[in-house]
Amino acid sequence: VLANPEIANLPGWVIALVAAGGLAAALSTAAGLLLVIST
């Protein structure tokens, strides 16, 4: 998924957007999991 925009030669801003989206997905769940552990 992360390489897909590069493989398809999409604009640089799309590649940057995917990077931000991938981090948002991983960090959102990590935060929820850490909260239930600490709770």
PDB file of all heavy atoms in Angstrom:
ATOM      1  N   VAL A   1       0.841  -1.204   0.000  1.00  0.00           N
ATOM      2  CA  VAL A   1       0.000   0.000   0.000  1.00  0.00           C
ATOM      3  C   VAL A   1       0.873   1.249   0.000  1.00  0.00           C
ATOM      4  O   VAL A   1       0.584   2.229  -0.695  1.00  0.00           O
ATOM      5  CB  VAL A   1      -0.942  -0.004   1.224  1.00  0.00           C
ATOM      6  CG1 VAL A   1      -1.624   1.352   1.389  1.00  0.00           C
ATOM      7  CG2 VAL A   1      -1.996  -1.085   1.064  1.00  0.00           C
ATOM      8  N   LEU A   2       1.948   1.213   0.775  1.00  0.00           N
ATOM      9  CA  LEU A   2       2.815   2.382   0.875  1.00  0.00           C
ATOM     10  C   LEU A   2       3.567   2.623  -0.434  1.00  0.00           C
ATOM     11  O   LEU A   2       3.807   3.772  -0.823  1.00  0.00           O
ATOM     12  CB  LEU A   2       3.817   2.184   2.017  1.00  0.00           C
ATOM     13  CG  LEU A   2       3.207   1.962   3.400  1.00  0.00           C
ATOM     14  CD1 LEU A   2       4.296   1.669   4.422  1.00  0.00           C
ATOM     15  CD2 LEU A   2       2.385   3.167   3.841  1.00  0.00           C
ATOM     16  N   ALA A   3       3.960   1.543  -1.111  1.00  0.00           N
ATOM     17  CA  ALA A   3       4.711   1.693  -2.358  1.00  0.00           C
ATOM     18  C   ALA A   3       3.814   1.914  -3.568  1.00  0.00           C
ATOM     19  O   ALA A   3       4.294   2.353  -4.625  1.00  0.00           O
ATOM     20  CB  ALA A   3       5.576   0.445  -2.590  1.00  0.00           C
ATOM     21  N   ASN A   4       2.535   1.614  -3.444  1.00  0.00           N
ATOM     22  CA  ASN A   4       1.613   1.674  -4.583  1.00  0.00           C
ATOM     23  C   ASN A   4       1.649   3.003  -5.339  1.00  0.00           C
ATOM     24  O   ASN A   4       1.729   3.020  -6.572  1.00  0.00           O
ATOM     25  CB  ASN A   4       0.184   1.377  -4.097  1.00  0.00           C
ATOM     26  CG  ASN A   4      -0.567   0.486  -5.063  1.00  0.00           C
ATOM     27  OD1 ASN A   4      -0.034   0.035  -6.068  1.00  0.00           O
ATOM     28  ND2 ASN A   4      -1.824   0.225  -4.758  1.00  0.00           N
ATOM     29  N   PRO A   5       1.590   4.152  -4.648  1.00  0.00           N
ATOM     30  CA  PRO A   5       1.642   5.417  -5.387  1.00  0.00           C
ATOM     31  C   PRO A   5       2.948   5.606  -6.158  1.00  0.00           C
ATOM     32  O   PRO A   5       2.949   6.165  -7.257  1.00  0.00           O
ATOM     33  CB  PRO A   5       1.502   6.475  -4.287  1.00  0.00           C
ATOM     34  CG  PRO A   5       0.834   5.761  -3.160  1.00  0.00           C
ATOM     35  CD  PRO A   5       1.357   4.357  -3.214  1.00  0.00           C
ATOM     36  N   GLU A   6       4.063   5.124  -5.582  1.00  0.00           N
ATOM     37  CA  GLU A   6       5.343   5.229  -6.282  1.00  0.00           C
ATOM     38  C   GLU A   6       5.375   4.308  -7.496  1.00  0.00           C
ATOM     39  O   GLU A   6       5.872   4.679  -8.557  1.00  0.00           O
ATOM     40  CB  GLU A   6       6.489   4.873  -5.336  1.00  0.00           C
ATOM     41  CG  GLU A   6       6.668   5.837  -4.179  1.00  0.00           C
ATOM     42  CD  GLU A   6       7.762   5.380  -3.245  1.00  0.00           C
ATOM     43  OE1 GLU A   6       7.461   4.611  -2.309  1.00  0.00           O
ATOM     44  OE2 GLU A   6       8.918   5.780  -3.444  1.00  0.00           O
ATOM     45  N   ILE A   7       4.861   3.083  -7.329  1.00  0.00           N
ATOM     46  CA  ILE A   7       4.838   2.131  -8.442  1.00  0.00           C
ATOM     47  C   ILE A   7       4.023   2.696  -9.602  1.00  0.00           C
ATOM     48  O   ILE A   7       4.374   2.533 -10.775  1.00  0.00           O
ATOM     49  CB  ILE A   7       4.254   0.781  -7.984  1.00  0.00           C
ATOM     50  CG1 ILE A   7       5.136   0.153  -6.900  1.00  0.00           C
ATOM     51  CG2 ILE A   7       4.119  -0.183  -9.157  1.00  0.00           C
ATOM     52  CD1 ILE A   7       4.539  -1.096  -6.259  1.00  0.00           C
ATOM     53  N   ALA A   8       2.924   3.380  -9.273  1.00  0.00           N
ATOM     54  CA  ALA A   8       2.036   3.930 -10.305  1.00  0.00           C
ATOM     55  C   ALA A   8       2.459   5.319 -10.783  1.00  0.00           C
ATOM     56  O   ALA A   8       1.736   5.947 -11.568  1.00  0.00           O
ATOM     57  CB  ALA A   8       0.605   3.982  -9.772  1.00  0.00           C
ATOM     58  N   ASN A   9       3.607   5.822 -10.278  1.00  0.00           N
ATOM     59  CA  ASN A   9       4.108   7.145 -10.675  1.00  0.00           C
ATOM     60  C   ASN A   9       3.110   8.270 -10.392  1.00  0.00           C
ATOM     61  O   ASN A   9       2.902   9.164 -11.214  1.00  0.00           O
ATOM     62  CB  ASN A   9       4.485   7.167 -12.170  1.00  0.00           C
ATOM     63  CG  ASN A   9       5.733   6.368 -12.455  1.00  0.00           C
ATOM     64  OD1 ASN A   9       6.713   6.463 -11.723  1.00  0.00           O
ATOM     65  ND2 ASN A   9       5.696   5.567 -13.521  1.00  0.00           N
ATOM     66  N   LEU A  10       2.490   8.219  -9.212  1.00  0.00           N
ATOM     67  CA  LEU A  10       1.560   9.269  -8.829  1.00  0.00           C
ATOM     68  C   LEU A  10       2.331  10.494  -8.338  1.00  0.00           C
ATOM     69  O   LEU A  10       3.521  10.408  -8.024  1.00  0.00           O
ATOM     70  CB  LEU A  10       0.620   8.758  -7.737  1.00  0.00           C
ATOM     71  CG  LEU A  10      -0.294   7.590  -8.122  1.00  0.00           C
ATOM     72  CD1 LEU A  10      -1.272   7.284  -7.002  1.00  0.00           C
ATOM     73  CD2 LEU A  10      -1.052   7.878  -9.417  1.00  0.00           C
ATOM     74  N   PRO A  11       1.665  11.654  -8.264  1.00  0.00           N
ATOM     75  CA  PRO A  11       2.366  12.883  -7.830  1.00  0.00           C
ATOM     76  C   PRO A  11       2.961  12.757  -6.431  1.00  0.00           C
ATOM     77  O   PRO A  11       2.488  11.959  -5.605  1.00  0.00           O
ATOM     78  CB  PRO A  11       1.247  13.939  -7.866  1.00  0.00           C
ATOM     79  CG  PRO A  11       0.220  13.393  -8.787  1.00  0.00           C
ATOM     80  CD  PRO A  11       0.277  11.913  -8.658  1.00  0.00           C
ATOM     81  N   GLY A  12       3.964  13.576  -6.146  1.00  0.00           N
ATOM     82  CA  GLY A  12       4.643  13.530  -4.864  1.00  0.00           C
ATOM     83  C   GLY A  12       3.731  13.802  -3.689  1.00  0.00           C
ATOM     84  O   GLY A  12       3.896  13.220  -2.604  1.00  0.00           O
ATOM     85  N   TRP A  13       2.726  14.669  -3.868  1.00  0.00           N
ATOM     86  CA  TRP A  13       1.849  14.982  -2.741  1.00  0.00           C
ATOM     87  C   TRP A  13       0.988  13.780  -2.351  1.00  0.00           C
ATOM     88  O   TRP A  13       0.617  13.642  -1.181  1.00  0.00           O
ATOM     89  CB  TRP A  13       0.968  16.199  -3.046  1.00  0.00           C
ATOM     90  CG  TRP A  13      -0.051  16.018  -4.134  1.00  0.00           C
ATOM     91  CD1 TRP A  13       0.093  16.288  -5.448  1.00  0.00           C
ATOM     92  CD2 TRP A  13      -1.397  15.525  -3.970  1.00  0.00           C
ATOM     93  NE1 TRP A  13      -1.066  15.999  -6.141  1.00  0.00           N
ATOM     94  CE2 TRP A  13      -1.996  15.532  -5.253  1.00  0.00           C
ATOM     95  CE3 TRP A  13      -2.144  15.087  -2.887  1.00  0.00           C
ATOM     96  CZ2 TRP A  13      -3.305  15.112  -5.477  1.00  0.00           C
ATOM     97  CZ3 TRP A  13      -3.458  14.666  -3.085  1.00  0.00           C
ATOM     98  CH2 TRP A  13      -4.020  14.681  -4.367  1.00  0.00           C
ATOM     99  N   VAL A  14       0.699  12.886  -3.312  1.00  0.00           N
ATOM    100  CA  VAL A  14      -0.053  11.669  -2.986  1.00  0.00           C
ATOM    101  C   VAL A  14       0.819  10.728  -2.155  1.00  0.00           C
ATOM    102  O   VAL A  14       0.353  10.117  -1.185  1.00  0.00           O
ATOM    103  CB  VAL A  14      -0.539  10.969  -4.264  1.00  0.00           C
ATOM    104  CG1 VAL A  14      -1.298   9.697  -3.913  1.00  0.00           C
ATOM    105  CG2 VAL A  14      -1.420  11.894  -5.085  1.00  0.00           C
ATOM    106  N   ILE A  15       2.094  10.607  -2.521  1.00  0.00           N
ATOM    107  CA  ILE A  15       3.020   9.774  -1.750  1.00  0.00           C
ATOM    108  C   ILE A  15       3.144  10.306  -0.323  1.00  0.00           C
ATOM    109  O   ILE A  15       3.130   9.545   0.649  1.00  0.00           O
ATOM    110  CB  ILE A  15       4.393   9.739  -2.449  1.00  0.00           C
ATOM    111  CG1 ILE A  15       4.262   9.099  -3.832  1.00  0.00           C
ATOM    112  CG2 ILE A  15       5.428   9.004  -1.601  1.00  0.00           C
ATOM    113  CD1 ILE A  15       5.514   9.213  -4.688  1.00  0.00           C
ATOM    114  N   ALA A  16       3.236  11.632  -0.188  1.00  0.00           N
ATOM    115  CA  ALA A  16       3.327  12.252   1.136  1.00  0.00           C
ATOM    116  C   ALA A  16       2.052  12.003   1.938  1.00  0.00           C
ATOM    117  O   ALA A  16       2.102  11.743   3.154  1.00  0.00           O
ATOM    118  CB  ALA A  16       3.573  13.751   0.991  1.00  0.00           C
ATOM    119  N   LEU A  17       0.919  12.071   1.267  1.00  0.00           N
ATOM    120  CA  LEU A  17      -0.358  11.830   1.942  1.00  0.00           C
ATOM    121  C   LEU A  17      -0.444  10.406   2.467  1.00  0.00           C
ATOM    122  O   LEU A  17      -0.907  10.163   3.590  1.00  0.00           O
ATOM    123  CB  LEU A  17      -1.499  12.114   0.962  1.00  0.00           C
ATOM    124  CG  LEU A  17      -2.926  12.012   1.502  1.00  0.00           C
ATOM    125  CD1 LEU A  17      -3.160  13.027   2.605  1.00  0.00           C
ATOM    126  CD2 LEU A  17      -3.944  12.209   0.378  1.00  0.00           C
ATOM    127  N   VAL A  18       0.020   9.433   1.676  1.00  0.00           N
ATOM    128  CA  VAL A  18       0.000   8.034   2.104  1.00  0.00           C
ATOM    129  C   VAL A  18       0.902   7.830   3.319  1.00  0.00           C
ATOM    130  O   VAL A  18       0.570   7.071   4.242  1.00  0.00           O
ATOM    131  CB  VAL A  18       0.418   7.109   0.945  1.00  0.00           C
ATOM    132  CG1 VAL A  18       0.654   5.684   1.433  1.00  0.00           C
ATOM    133  CG2 VAL A  18      -0.655   7.109  -0.130  1.00  0.00           C
ATOM    134  N   ALA A  19       2.054   8.504   3.337  1.00  0.00           N
ATOM    135  CA  ALA A  19       2.942   8.403   4.494  1.00  0.00           C
ATOM    136  C   ALA A  19       2.236   8.892   5.754  1.00  0.00           C
ATOM    137  O   ALA A  19       2.280   8.238   6.803  1.00  0.00           O
ATOM    138  CB  ALA A  19       4.214   9.211   4.249  1.00  0.00           C
ATOM    139  N   ALA A  20       1.567  10.043   5.663  1.00  0.00           N
ATOM    140  CA  ALA A  20       0.840  10.576   6.825  1.00  0.00           C
ATOM    141  C   ALA A  20      -0.307   9.658   7.227  1.00  0.00           C
ATOM    142  O   ALA A  20      -0.564   9.453   8.420  1.00  0.00           O
ATOM    143  CB  ALA A  20       0.305  11.974   6.501  1.00  0.00           C
ATOM    144  N   GLY A  21      -0.998   9.075   6.235  1.00  0.00           N
ATOM    145  CA  GLY A  21      -2.111   8.175   6.531  1.00  0.00           C
ATOM    146  C   GLY A  21      -1.664   6.893   7.204  1.00  0.00           C
ATOM    147  O   GLY A  21      -2.306   6.414   8.139  1.00  0.00           O
ATOM    148  N   GLY A  22      -0.555   6.317   6.732  1.00  0.00           N
ATOM    149  CA  GLY A  22      -0.046   5.099   7.353  1.00  0.00           C
ATOM    150  C   GLY A  22       0.331   5.318   8.798  1.00  0.00           C
ATOM    151  O   GLY A  22       0.052   4.484   9.670  1.00  0.00           O
ATOM    152  N   LEU A  23       0.950   6.451   9.085  1.00  0.00           N
ATOM    153  CA  LEU A  23       1.309   6.764  10.473  1.00  0.00           C
ATOM    154  C   LEU A  23       0.069   7.011  11.322  1.00  0.00           C
ATOM    155  O   LEU A  23       0.002   6.598  12.478  1.00  0.00           O
ATOM    156  CB  LEU A  23       2.232   7.988  10.500  1.00  0.00           C
ATOM    157  CG  LEU A  23       3.655   7.728  10.003  1.00  0.00           C
ATOM    158  CD1 LEU A  23       4.408   9.040   9.835  1.00  0.00           C
ATOM    159  CD2 LEU A  23       4.398   6.818  10.972  1.00  0.00           C
ATOM    160  N   ALA A  24      -0.927   7.685  10.747  1.00  0.00           N
ATOM    161  CA  ALA A  24      -2.168   7.940  11.488  1.00  0.00           C
ATOM    162  C   ALA A  24      -2.832   6.630  11.870  1.00  0.00           C
ATOM    163  O   ALA A  24      -3.313   6.464  13.002  1.00  0.00           O
ATOM    164  CB  ALA A  24      -3.118   8.793  10.637  1.00  0.00           C
ATOM    165  N   ALA A  25      -2.871   5.667  10.936  1.00  0.00           N
ATOM    166  CA  ALA A  25      -3.516   4.383  11.212  1.00  0.00           C
ATOM    167  C   ALA A  25      -2.806   3.637  12.332  1.00  0.00           C
ATOM    168  O   ALA A  25      -3.443   3.121  13.270  1.00  0.00           O
ATOM    169  CB  ALA A  25      -3.531   3.534   9.938  1.00  0.00           C
ATOM    170  N   ALA A  26      -1.483   3.560  12.254  1.00  0.00           N
ATOM    171  CA  ALA A  26      -0.734   2.806  13.259  1.00  0.00           C
ATOM    172  C   ALA A  26      -0.767   3.488  14.618  1.00  0.00           C
ATOM    173  O   ALA A  26      -0.955   2.838  15.652  1.00  0.00           O
ATOM    174  CB  ALA A  26       0.708   2.618  12.793  1.00  0.00           C
ATOM    175  N   LEU A  27      -0.615   4.805  14.636  1.00  0.00           N
ATOM    176  CA  LEU A  27      -0.550   5.523  15.908  1.00  0.00           C
ATOM    177  C   LEU A  27      -1.897   5.553  16.615  1.00  0.00           C
ATOM    178  O   LEU A  27      -1.960   5.490  17.846  1.00  0.00           O
ATOM    179  CB  LEU A  27      -0.051   6.956  15.672  1.00  0.00           C
ATOM    180  CG  LEU A  27       1.408   7.084  15.209  1.00  0.00           C
ATOM    181  CD1 LEU A  27       1.732   8.536  14.887  1.00  0.00           C
ATOM    182  CD2 LEU A  27       2.363   6.568  16.278  1.00  0.00           C
ATOM    183  N   SER A  28      -2.996   5.641  15.853  1.00  0.00           N
ATOM    184  CA  SER A  28      -4.322   5.710  16.489  1.00  0.00           C
ATOM    185  C   SER A  28      -4.611   4.436  17.262  1.00  0.00           C
ATOM    186  O   SER A  28      -5.094   4.473  18.405  1.00  0.00           O
ATOM    187  CB  SER A  28      -5.398   5.957  15.433  1.00  0.00           C
ATOM    188  OG  SER A  28      -5.468   4.877  14.517  1.00  0.00           O
ATOM    189  N   THR A  29      -4.328   3.284  16.668  1.00  0.00           N
ATOM    190  CA  THR A  29      -4.586   2.016  17.351  1.00  0.00           C
ATOM    191  C   THR A  29      -3.600   1.787  18.480  1.00  0.00           C
ATOM    192  O   THR A  29      -3.965   1.286  19.547  1.00  0.00           O
ATOM    193  CB  THR A  29      -4.528   0.854  16.349  1.00  0.00           C
ATOM    194  OG1 THR A  29      -5.462   1.109  15.304  1.00  0.00           O
ATOM    195  CG2 THR A  29      -4.863  -0.461  17.014  1.00  0.00           C
ATOM    196  N   ALA A  30      -2.332   2.150  18.257  1.00  0.00           N
ATOM    197  CA  ALA A  30      -1.340   2.001  19.320  1.00  0.00           C
ATOM    198  C   ALA A  30      -1.755   2.786  20.556  1.00  0.00           C
ATOM    199  O   ALA A  30      -1.640   2.295  21.693  1.00  0.00           O
ATOM    200  CB  ALA A  30       0.027   2.466  18.823  1.00  0.00           C
ATOM    201  N   ALA A  31      -2.280   4.001  20.361  1.00  0.00           N
ATOM    202  CA  ALA A  31      -2.704   4.813  21.496  1.00  0.00           C
ATOM    203  C   ALA A  31      -3.863   4.158  22.245  1.00  0.00           C
ATOM    204  O   ALA A  31      -3.883   4.125  23.480  1.00  0.00           O
ATOM    205  CB  ALA A  31      -3.117   6.201  21.002  1.00  0.00           C
ATOM    206  N   GLY A  32      -4.839   3.629  21.503  1.00  0.00           N
ATOM    207  CA  GLY A  32      -5.965   2.957  22.149  1.00  0.00           C
ATOM    208  C   GLY A  32      -5.535   1.738  22.940  1.00  0.00           C
ATOM    209  O   GLY A  32      -6.015   1.489  24.053  1.00  0.00           O
ATOM    210  N   LEU A  33      -4.612   0.974  22.391  1.00  0.00           N
ATOM    211  CA  LEU A  33      -4.117  -0.222  23.084  1.00  0.00           C
ATOM    212  C   LEU A  33      -3.340   0.151  24.338  1.00  0.00           C
ATOM    213  O   LEU A  33      -3.485  -0.477  25.396  1.00  0.00           O
ATOM    214  CB  LEU A  33      -3.229  -1.027  22.138  1.00  0.00           C
ATOM    215  CG  LEU A  33      -3.951  -1.737  21.000  1.00  0.00           C
ATOM    216  CD1 LEU A  33      -2.964  -2.140  19.914  1.00  0.00           C
ATOM    217  CD2 LEU A  33      -4.694  -2.965  21.517  1.00  0.00           C
ATOM    218  N   LEU A  34      -2.501   1.170  24.232  1.00  0.00           N
ATOM    219  CA  LEU A  34      -1.734   1.599  25.399  1.00  0.00           C
ATOM    220  C   LEU A  34      -2.648   2.092  26.511  1.00  0.00           C
ATOM    221  O   LEU A  34      -2.374   1.879  27.696  1.00  0.00           O
ATOM    222  CB  LEU A  34      -0.747   2.695  24.993  1.00  0.00           C
ATOM    223  CG  LEU A  34       0.426   2.233  24.119  1.00  0.00           C
ATOM    224  CD1 LEU A  34       1.141   3.421  23.524  1.00  0.00           C
ATOM    225  CD2 LEU A  34       1.384   1.383  24.946  1.00  0.00           C
ATOM    226  N   LEU A  35      -3.734   2.715  26.111  1.00  0.00           N
ATOM    227  CA  LEU A  35      -4.660   3.216  27.128  1.00  0.00           C
ATOM    228  C   LEU A  35      -5.315   2.073  27.896  1.00  0.00           C
ATOM    229  O   LEU A  35      -5.413   2.124  29.126  1.00  0.00           O
ATOM    230  CB  LEU A  35      -5.729   4.092  26.480  1.00  0.00           C
ATOM    231  CG  LEU A  35      -6.680   4.754  27.490  1.00  0.00           C
ATOM    232  CD1 LEU A  35      -5.934   5.810  28.287  1.00  0.00           C
ATOM    233  CD2 LEU A  35      -7.865   5.389  26.783  1.00  0.00           C
ATOM    234  N   VAL A  36      -5.763   1.023  27.197  1.00  0.00           N
ATOM    235  CA  VAL A  36      -6.416  -0.065  27.921  1.00  0.00           C
ATOM    236  C   VAL A  36      -5.414  -0.825  28.793  1.00  0.00           C
ATOM    237  O   VAL A  36      -5.769  -1.328  29.857  1.00  0.00           O
ATOM    238  CB  VAL A  36      -7.153  -1.047  26.972  1.00  0.00           C
ATOM    239  CG1 VAL A  36      -8.245  -0.345  26.200  1.00  0.00           C
ATOM    240  CG2 VAL A  36      -6.201  -1.753  26.027  1.00  0.00           C
ATOM    241  N   ILE A  37      -4.149  -0.894  28.352  1.00  0.00           N
ATOM    242  CA  ILE A  37      -3.133  -1.529  29.189  1.00  0.00           C
ATOM    243  C   ILE A  37      -2.922  -0.718  30.463  1.00  0.00           C
ATOM    244  O   ILE A  37      -2.917  -1.262  31.575  1.00  0.00           O
ATOM    245  CB  ILE A  37      -1.807  -1.676  28.419  1.00  0.00           C
ATOM    246  CG1 ILE A  37      -1.966  -2.684  27.278  1.00  0.00           C
ATOM    247  CG2 ILE A  37      -0.677  -2.127  29.353  1.00  0.00           C
ATOM    248  CD1 ILE A  37      -0.792  -2.706  26.314  1.00  0.00           C
ATOM    249  N   SER A  38      -2.736   0.593  30.316  1.00  0.00           N
ATOM    250  CA  SER A  38      -2.492   1.429  31.492  1.00  0.00           C
ATOM    251  C   SER A  38      -3.705   1.470  32.413  1.00  0.00           C
ATOM    252  O   SER A  38      -3.573   1.457  33.643  1.00  0.00           O
ATOM    253  CB  SER A  38      -2.117   2.850  31.057  1.00  0.00           C
ATOM    254  OG  SER A  38      -3.199   3.503  30.421  1.00  0.00           O
ATOM    255  N   THR A  39      -4.905   1.491  31.816  1.00  0.00           N
ATOM    256  CA  THR A  39      -6.129   1.503  32.617  1.00  0.00           C
ATOM    257  C   THR A  39      -6.289   0.208  33.409  1.00  0.00           C
ATOM    258  O   THR A  39      -6.663   0.225  34.581  1.00  0.00           O
ATOM    259  CB  THR A  39      -7.350   1.710  31.705  1.00  0.00           C
ATOM    260  OG1 THR A  39      -7.204   2.936  30.998  1.00  0.00           O
ATOM    261  CG2 THR A  39      -8.637   1.747  32.514  1.00  0.00           C
TER     262      THR A  39
END
